[in-house]
C-alpha atoms as a PDB file:
ATOM      1  CA  MET A   1     -30.084  -7.059  43.526  1.00  0.00           C
ATOM      2  CA  GLY A   2     -32.935  -8.559  45.475  1.00  0.00           C
ATOM      3  CA  ARG A   3     -36.300 -10.080  44.842  1.00  0.00           C
ATOM      4  CA  HIS A   4     -39.304  -7.781  44.514  1.00  0.00           C
ATOM      5  CA  PRO A   5     -42.971  -8.616  43.903  1.00  0.00           C
ATOM      6  CA  GLU A   6     -43.015  -6.529  40.756  1.00  0.00           C
ATOM      7  CA  GLY A   7     -39.696  -7.800  39.399  1.00  0.00           C
ATOM      8  CA  VAL A   8     -35.989  -7.131  39.814  1.00  0.00           C
ATOM      9  CA  ARG A   9     -35.089  -4.110  41.927  1.00  0.00           C
ATOM     10  CA  GLN A  10     -32.226  -1.959  40.637  1.00  0.00           C
ATOM     11  CA  ARG A  11     -29.227  -0.946  42.705  1.00  0.00           C
ATOM     12  CA  LYS A  12     -26.639   1.771  42.106  1.00  0.00           C
ATOM     13  CA  HIS A  13     -24.228  -0.642  40.379  1.00  0.00           C
ATOM     14  CA  VAL A  14     -26.794  -1.529  37.690  1.00  0.00           C
ATOM     15  CA  LEU A  15     -27.001   0.628  34.566  1.00  0.00           C
ATOM     16  CA  PRO A  16     -30.159   2.797  34.495  1.00  0.00           C
ATOM     17  CA  ALA A  17     -32.694   1.849  31.885  1.00  0.00           C
ATOM     18  CA  VAL A  18     -32.453   3.688  28.590  1.00  0.00           C
ATOM     19  CA  ARG A  19     -36.056   3.879  27.415  1.00  0.00           C
ATOM     20  CA  GLU A  20     -35.066   5.349  24.072  1.00  0.00           C
ATOM     21  CA  VAL A  21     -33.224   2.120  23.193  1.00  0.00           C
ATOM     22  CA  ALA A  22     -35.981  -0.214  24.309  1.00  0.00           C
ATOM     23  CA  GLY A  23     -38.767   1.704  22.648  1.00  0.00           C
ATOM     24  CA  GLY A  24     -37.434   1.851  19.110  1.00  0.00           C
ATOM     25  CA  ARG A  25     -34.658   0.970  16.709  1.00  0.00           C
ATOM     26  CA  GLY A  26     -32.659   4.165  17.131  1.00  0.00           C
ATOM     27  CA  LEU A  27     -31.710   6.713  19.757  1.00  0.00           C
ATOM     28  CA  ARG A  28     -33.660   9.928  20.091  1.00  0.00           C
ATOM     29  CA  ASP A  29     -32.071  13.270  20.855  1.00  0.00           C
ATOM     30  CA  GLY A  30     -32.805  13.011  24.557  1.00  0.00           C
ATOM     31  CA  SER A  31     -30.756   9.819  24.899  1.00  0.00           C
ATOM     32  CA  ARG A  32     -27.477  11.577  24.168  1.00  0.00           C
ATOM     33  CA  THR A  33     -27.330  12.809  27.749  1.00  0.00           C
ATOM     34  CA  ARG A  34     -27.144   9.191  28.917  1.00  0.00           C
ATOM     35  CA  ALA A  35     -24.493   8.130  26.422  1.00  0.00           C
ATOM     36  CA  PRO A  36     -21.675   7.822  29.024  1.00  0.00           C
ATOM     37  CA  VAL A  37     -23.397   4.823  30.645  1.00  0.00           C
ATOM     38  CA  LEU A  38     -22.983   2.922  27.369  1.00  0.00           C
ATOM     39  CA  ARG A  39     -19.261   3.573  27.050  1.00  0.00           C
ATOM     40  CA  PRO A  40     -16.481   1.614  28.824  1.00  0.00           C
ATOM     41  CA  THR A  41     -14.444   3.746  31.193  1.00  0.00           C
ATOM     42  CA  GLY A  42     -11.131   1.895  30.906  1.00  0.00           C
ATOM     43  CA  ARG A  43      -8.923   0.226  28.311  1.00  0.00           C
ATOM     44  CA  HIS A  44     -10.176  -3.095  27.092  1.00  0.00           C
ATOM     45  CA  ARG A  45      -8.389  -5.804  25.140  1.00  0.00           C
ATOM     46  CA  LEU A  46     -11.120  -5.878  22.529  1.00  0.00           C
ATOM     47  CA  GLY A  47     -10.611  -2.199  21.797  1.00  0.00           C
ATOM     48  CA  MET A  48      -6.855  -2.699  21.341  1.00  0.00           C
ATOM     49  CA  ASP A  49      -7.405  -5.584  18.933  1.00  0.00           C
ATOM     50  CA  ILE A  50      -9.842  -3.573  16.847  1.00  0.00           C
ATOM     51  CA  ALA A  51      -7.377  -0.700  16.596  1.00  0.00           C
ATOM     52  CA  ARG A  52      -4.656  -3.092  15.389  1.00  0.00           C
ATOM     53  CA  GLN A  53      -6.977  -4.567  12.795  1.00  0.00           C
ATOM     54  CA  ARG A  54      -7.803  -1.096  11.531  1.00  0.00           C
ATOM     55  CA  GLN A  55      -4.108  -0.354  11.214  1.00  0.00           C
ATOM     56  CA  ARG A  56      -3.636  -3.481   9.130  1.00  0.00           C
ATOM     57  CA  GLN A  57      -6.393  -2.428   6.751  1.00  0.00           C
ATOM     58  CA  GLY A  58      -4.913   1.025   6.423  1.00  0.00           C
ATOM     59  CA  SER A  59      -1.412  -0.307   5.763  1.00  0.00           C
ATOM     60  CA  GLU A  60      -2.645  -1.843   2.523  1.00  0.00           C
ATOM     61  CA  ARG A  61      -3.004   1.719   1.210  1.00  0.00           C
ATOM     62  CA  GLY A  62       0.577   2.711   2.094  1.00  0.00           C
ATOM     63  CA  ASP A  63       3.358   3.627  -0.272  1.00  0.00           C
ATOM     64  CA  LEU A  64       5.465   1.041  -2.108  1.00  0.00           C
ATOM     65  CA  THR A  65       2.574  -1.402  -2.378  1.00  0.00           C
ATOM     66  CA  GLY A  66       1.144  -3.108  -5.431  1.00  0.00           C
ATOM     67  CA  PRO A  67      -1.130  -5.970  -6.488  1.00  0.00           C
ATOM     68  CA  ASN A  68       0.530  -9.295  -5.750  1.00  0.00           C
ATOM     69  CA  PRO A  69       0.280 -11.509  -8.873  1.00  0.00           C
ATOM     70  CA  THR A  70       0.661 -14.666  -6.741  1.00  0.00           C
ATOM     71  CA  ASP A  71      -1.980 -13.782  -4.136  1.00  0.00           C
ATOM     72  CA  ARG A  72      -5.168 -12.792  -5.972  1.00  0.00           C
ATOM     73  CA  ALA A  73      -3.901  -9.258  -6.654  1.00  0.00           C
ATOM     74  CA  LYS A  74      -3.877  -8.277  -2.974  1.00  0.00           C
ATOM     75  CA  LEU A  75      -1.769  -5.246  -2.190  1.00  0.00           C
ATOM     76  CA  GLY A  76       1.641  -6.174  -0.863  1.00  0.00           C
ATOM     77  CA  THR A  77       5.298  -5.198  -0.580  1.00  0.00           C
ATOM     78  CA  LYS A  78       8.293  -7.088  -1.970  1.00  0.00           C
ATOM     79  CA  ARG A  79      11.681  -7.269  -0.268  1.00  0.00           C
ATOM     80  CA  HIS A  80      14.751  -7.457  -2.519  1.00  0.00           C
ATOM     81  CA  VAL A  81      17.585  -8.920  -0.437  1.00  0.00           C
ATOM     82  CA  LEU A  82      21.309  -9.232  -1.178  1.00  0.00           C
ATOM     83  CA  THR A  83      23.200 -11.754   0.992  1.00  0.00           C
ATOM     84  CA  ASP A  84      26.637 -13.269   1.221  1.00  0.00           C
ATOM     85  CA  GLY A  85      27.433 -16.951   0.817  1.00  0.00           C
ATOM     86  CA  GLN A  86      26.228 -17.711   4.348  1.00  0.00           C
ATOM     87  CA  GLY A  87      22.895 -15.917   3.982  1.00  0.00           C
ATOM     88  CA  ILE A  88      23.912 -12.836   5.987  1.00  0.00           C
ATOM     89  CA  PRO A  89      21.916  -9.866   4.597  1.00  0.00           C
ATOM     90  CA  LEU A  90      24.038  -7.135   3.023  1.00  0.00           C
ATOM     91  CA  ALA A  91      21.374  -4.880   1.501  1.00  0.00           C
ATOM     92  CA  VAL A  92      17.584  -4.638   1.301  1.00  0.00           C
ATOM     93  CA  THR A  93      15.289  -2.567  -0.913  1.00  0.00           C
ATOM     94  CA  LEU A  94      11.488  -2.385  -1.059  1.00  0.00           C
ATOM     95  CA  THR A  95       9.052  -2.180  -3.965  1.00  0.00           C
ATOM     96  CA  GLY A  96       5.450  -3.005  -4.671  1.00  0.00           C
ATOM     97  CA  ALA A  97       4.586  -6.676  -5.064  1.00  0.00           C
ATOM     98  CA  ASN A  98       3.979  -6.197  -8.798  1.00  0.00           C
ATOM     99  CA  VAL A  99       7.488  -4.841  -9.589  1.00  0.00           C
ATOM    100  CA  HIS A 100       9.660  -7.297 -11.519  1.00  0.00           C
ATOM    101  CA  ASP A 101      12.941  -8.366  -9.934  1.00  0.00           C
ATOM    102  CA  LYS A 102      14.995  -7.357 -12.973  1.00  0.00           C
ATOM    103  CA  HIS A 103      14.404  -3.660 -12.258  1.00  0.00           C
ATOM    104  CA  MET A 104      15.982  -3.790  -8.779  1.00  0.00           C
ATOM    105  CA  ALA A 105      19.329  -5.517  -9.327  1.00  0.00           C
ATOM    106  CA  GLY A 106      21.345  -2.317  -9.582  1.00  0.00           C
ATOM    107  CA  LYS A 107      19.458  -0.465  -6.847  1.00  0.00           C
ATOM    108  CA  THR A 108      19.910  -3.366  -4.447  1.00  0.00           C
ATOM    109  CA  LEU A 109      23.664  -3.412  -5.124  1.00  0.00           C
ATOM    110  CA  ASP A 110      23.768   0.342  -4.478  1.00  0.00           C
ATOM    111  CA  ALA A 111      22.010  -0.175  -1.129  1.00  0.00           C
ATOM    112  CA  VAL A 112      25.035  -1.958   0.414  1.00  0.00           C
ATOM    113  CA  PRO A 113      25.874   0.145   3.492  1.00  0.00           C
ATOM    114  CA  LEU A 114      29.535  -0.973   3.625  1.00  0.00           C
ATOM    115  CA  ARG A 115      31.882   1.756   2.435  1.00  0.00           C
ATOM    116  CA  GLY A 116      35.554   1.766   1.594  1.00  0.00           C
ATOM    117  CA  ALA A 117      38.147   4.279   0.449  1.00  0.00           C
ATOM    118  CA  ARG A 118      36.987   4.010  -3.163  1.00  0.00           C
ATOM    119  CA  GLY A 119      33.274   3.799  -2.529  1.00  0.00           C
ATOM    120  CA  PRO A 120      30.788   1.042  -1.697  1.00  0.00           C
ATOM    121  CA  ARG A 121      32.225  -2.390  -0.930  1.00  0.00           C
ATOM    122  CA  ARG A 122      30.229  -4.591  -3.266  1.00  0.00           C
ATOM    123  CA  PRO A 123      30.750  -8.331  -3.833  1.00  0.00           C
ATOM    124  CA  LYS A 124      32.927  -9.404  -6.738  1.00  0.00           C
ATOM    125  CA  ASN A 125      30.447 -12.073  -7.883  1.00  0.00           C
ATOM    126  CA  ILE A 126      26.697 -12.308  -7.657  1.00  0.00           C
ATOM    127  CA  CYS A 127      24.425 -15.341  -8.211  1.00  0.00           C
ATOM    128  CA  LEU A 128      20.979 -14.668  -9.659  1.00  0.00           C
ATOM    129  CA  ASP A 129      18.129 -17.019 -10.469  1.00  0.00           C
ATOM    130  CA  LYS A 130      16.179 -17.253 -13.725  1.00  0.00           C
ATOM    131  CA  GLY A 131      14.025 -14.277 -12.769  1.00  0.00           C
ATOM    132  CA  TYR A 132      17.035 -12.067 -13.552  1.00  0.00           C
ATOM    133  CA  ASP A 133      17.730 -13.587 -16.972  1.00  0.00           C
ATOM    134  CA  TYR A 134      17.487 -10.231 -18.759  1.00  0.00           C
ATOM    135  CA  GLU A 135      19.937  -7.766 -20.240  1.00  0.00           C
ATOM    136  CA  GLN A 136      19.239  -5.039 -17.673  1.00  0.00           C
ATOM    137  CA  PRO A 137      20.368  -6.889 -14.493  1.00  0.00           C
ATOM    138  CA  GLU A 138      23.494  -8.212 -16.209  1.00  0.00           C
ATOM    139  CA  ARG A 139      24.436  -4.776 -17.499  1.00  0.00           C
ATOM    140  CA  GLU A 140      23.812  -3.082 -14.141  1.00  0.00           C
ATOM    141  CA  ALA A 141      25.969  -5.644 -12.347  1.00  0.00           C
ATOM    142  CA  ARG A 142      28.884  -5.283 -14.778  1.00  0.00           C
ATOM    143  CA  ASP A 143      28.674  -1.478 -14.604  1.00  0.00           C
ATOM    144  CA  ARG A 144      29.374  -1.837 -10.864  1.00  0.00           C
ATOM    145  CA  ASN A 145      32.336  -4.192 -11.429  1.00  0.00           C
ATOM    146  CA  VAL A 146      30.329  -7.196 -10.221  1.00  0.00           C
ATOM    147  CA  LYS A 147      30.434 -10.411 -12.265  1.00  0.00           C
ATOM    148  CA  PRO A 148      26.901 -11.850 -12.627  1.00  0.00           C
ATOM    149  CA  HIS A 149      26.207 -15.587 -12.602  1.00  0.00           C
ATOM    150  CA  ILE A 150      22.653 -15.911 -13.900  1.00  0.00           C
ATOM    151  CA  ARG A 151      20.668 -19.097 -14.402  1.00  0.00           C
ATOM    152  CA  ARG A 152      19.275 -19.040 -17.924  1.00  0.00           C
ATOM    153  CA  ARG A 153      15.686 -19.814 -18.773  1.00  0.00           C
ATOM    154  CA  GLY A 154      15.327 -23.278 -20.257  1.00  0.00           C
ATOM    155  CA  GLU A 155      18.533 -24.440 -18.619  1.00  0.00           C
ATOM    156  CA  PRO A 156      18.098 -27.790 -16.818  1.00  0.00           C
ATOM    157  CA  ALA A 157      18.041 -27.698 -13.053  1.00  0.00           C
ATOM    158  CA  LEU A 158      21.183 -28.647 -11.172  1.00  0.00           C
ATOM    159  CA  THR A 159      20.533 -31.728  -9.046  1.00  0.00           C
ATOM    160  CA  GLY A 160      23.164 -33.432  -6.940  1.00  0.00           C
ATOM    161  CA  PRO A 161      26.897 -32.705  -6.718  1.00  0.00           C
ATOM    162  CA  ILE A 162      28.774 -31.532  -9.792  1.00  0.00           C
ATOM    163  CA  ARG A 163      32.413 -32.473 -10.412  1.00  0.00           C
ATOM    164  CA  GLY A 164      32.811 -33.674  -6.853  1.00  0.00           C
ATOM    165  CA  LYS A 165      31.474 -30.444  -5.313  1.00  0.00           C
ATOM    166  CA  LYS A 166      28.427 -30.048  -3.129  1.00  0.00           C
ATOM    167  CA  ALA A 167      25.231 -28.809  -4.713  1.00  0.00           C
ATOM    168  CA  ARG A 168      24.815 -25.031  -4.476  1.00  0.00           C
ATOM    169  CA  ARG A 169      21.695 -23.817  -2.774  1.00  0.00           C
ATOM    170  CA  TRP A 170      19.985 -20.442  -2.906  1.00  0.00           C
ATOM    171  CA  VAL A 171      20.855 -19.231   0.575  1.00  0.00           C
ATOM    172  CA  VAL A 172      18.830 -16.082   0.030  1.00  0.00           C
ATOM    173  CA  GLU A 173      15.640 -18.132   0.299  1.00  0.00           C
ATOM    174  CA  ARG A 174      16.709 -19.163   3.782  1.00  0.00           C
ATOM    175  CA  THR A 175      17.304 -15.505   4.618  1.00  0.00           C
ATOM    176  CA  ASN A 176      13.759 -14.698   3.499  1.00  0.00           C
ATOM    177  CA  SER A 177      12.545 -17.378   5.878  1.00  0.00           C
ATOM    178  CA  TRP A 178      14.562 -15.784   8.689  1.00  0.00           C
ATOM    179  CA  HIS A 179      12.907 -12.456   7.934  1.00  0.00           C
ATOM    180  CA  ASN A 180       9.453 -14.002   8.008  1.00  0.00           C
ATOM    181  CA  ASN A 181      10.109 -15.308  11.508  1.00  0.00           C
ATOM    182  CA  PHE A 182       9.800 -11.710  12.695  1.00  0.00           C
ATOM    183  CA  ARG A 183       6.163 -10.854  13.279  1.00  0.00           C
ATOM    184  CA  ALA A 184       6.635  -7.230  12.233  1.00  0.00           C
ATOM    185  CA  LEU A 185       7.914  -8.328   8.807  1.00  0.00           C
ATOM    186  CA  ARG A 186       5.625 -11.232   7.964  1.00  0.00           C
ATOM    187  CA  ILE A 187       2.687  -8.824   7.670  1.00  0.00           C
ATOM    188  CA  ARG A 188       3.308  -5.171   6.927  1.00  0.00           C
ATOM    189  CA  TRP A 189       1.391  -3.106   9.469  1.00  0.00           C
ATOM    190  CA  GLU A 190       3.024   0.273   8.752  1.00  0.00           C
ATOM    191  CA  LYS A 191       1.551   2.635   6.197  1.00  0.00           C
ATOM    192  CA  THR A 192       4.902   4.346   5.628  1.00  0.00           C
ATOM    193  CA  SER A 193       7.489   2.275   3.793  1.00  0.00           C
ATOM    194  CA  ALA A 194      10.339   4.011   5.662  1.00  0.00           C
ATOM    195  CA  ASN A 195       9.020   2.651   8.969  1.00  0.00           C
ATOM    196  CA  TYR A 196       8.697  -0.844   7.538  1.00  0.00           C
ATOM    197  CA  LEU A 197      12.221  -0.658   6.076  1.00  0.00           C
ATOM    198  CA  ALA A 198      13.522   0.340   9.505  1.00  0.00           C
ATOM    199  CA  PHE A 199      12.081  -2.873  10.964  1.00  0.00           C
ATOM    200  CA  VAL A 200      13.699  -4.850   8.136  1.00  0.00           C
ATOM    201  CA  HIS A 201      17.084  -3.295   8.903  1.00  0.00           C
ATOM    202  CA  LEU A 202      16.609  -4.094  12.598  1.00  0.00           C
ATOM    203  CA  ALA A 203      15.857  -7.728  11.718  1.00  0.00           C
ATOM    204  CA  CYS A 204      18.988  -7.848   9.531  1.00  0.00           C
ATOM    205  CA  ALA A 205      21.060  -6.551  12.449  1.00  0.00           C
ATOM    206  CA  LEU A 206      19.660  -9.242  14.741  1.00  0.00           C
ATOM    207  CA  ILE A 207      20.453 -11.920  12.137  1.00  0.00           C
ATOM    208  CA  CYS A 208      24.049 -10.660  11.914  1.00  0.00           C
ATOM    209  CA  ILE A 209      24.401 -10.688  15.710  1.00  0.00           C
ATOM    210  CA  GLN A 210      23.078 -14.239  15.933  1.00  0.00           C
ATOM    211  CA  ALA A 211      25.462 -15.375  13.191  1.00  0.00           C
ATOM    212  CA  ALA A 212      28.431 -13.735  14.956  1.00  0.00           C
ATOM    213  CA  ASN A 213      27.624 -15.513  18.224  1.00  0.00           C
ATOM    214  CA  ARG A 214      27.538 -19.005  16.702  1.00  0.00           C
END
């Protein structure tokens, strides 16, 4: 551009003036022929971010979602995880955030992928917190030849070592923290629950590999 007595002189690299935009609040029919000058020709980071944000909004309408009672009834997904004594994930199932844990004890035990000559290789004992202090989880565990150890409601908390043994911790909470370290799991971006479950299984495989290499 260069100086001109009447103002700024336009060159070929400057967008031509769109009089329809400057003269009113909207575009008239004749301005549609000049629409390409208002559109970017290449990929832009801002466009990619907007598309990802739109995907996040749409994922809240996916399957296996429900109002989260601990987060102002926002739609969310709950992971039900079964681990061994070291926190290694053995099985994972998904439900809406409003589904009670007691309904998924049996289904989570059935989701163990390990198989033997007589069927699934389930653990002989299972430790459950007070959220599973109902008849249904205990019955479903015993029907699968698994002995449940459930903390009862109103029972005092166990603090410190008992009878010379170390205090038992809920290792599954640590496994949930490991899962949340994966960006694809902390926030569900996928509308389809099968795609999200595939990412959860991939994260479980990575956790097992890391534990084997210790």
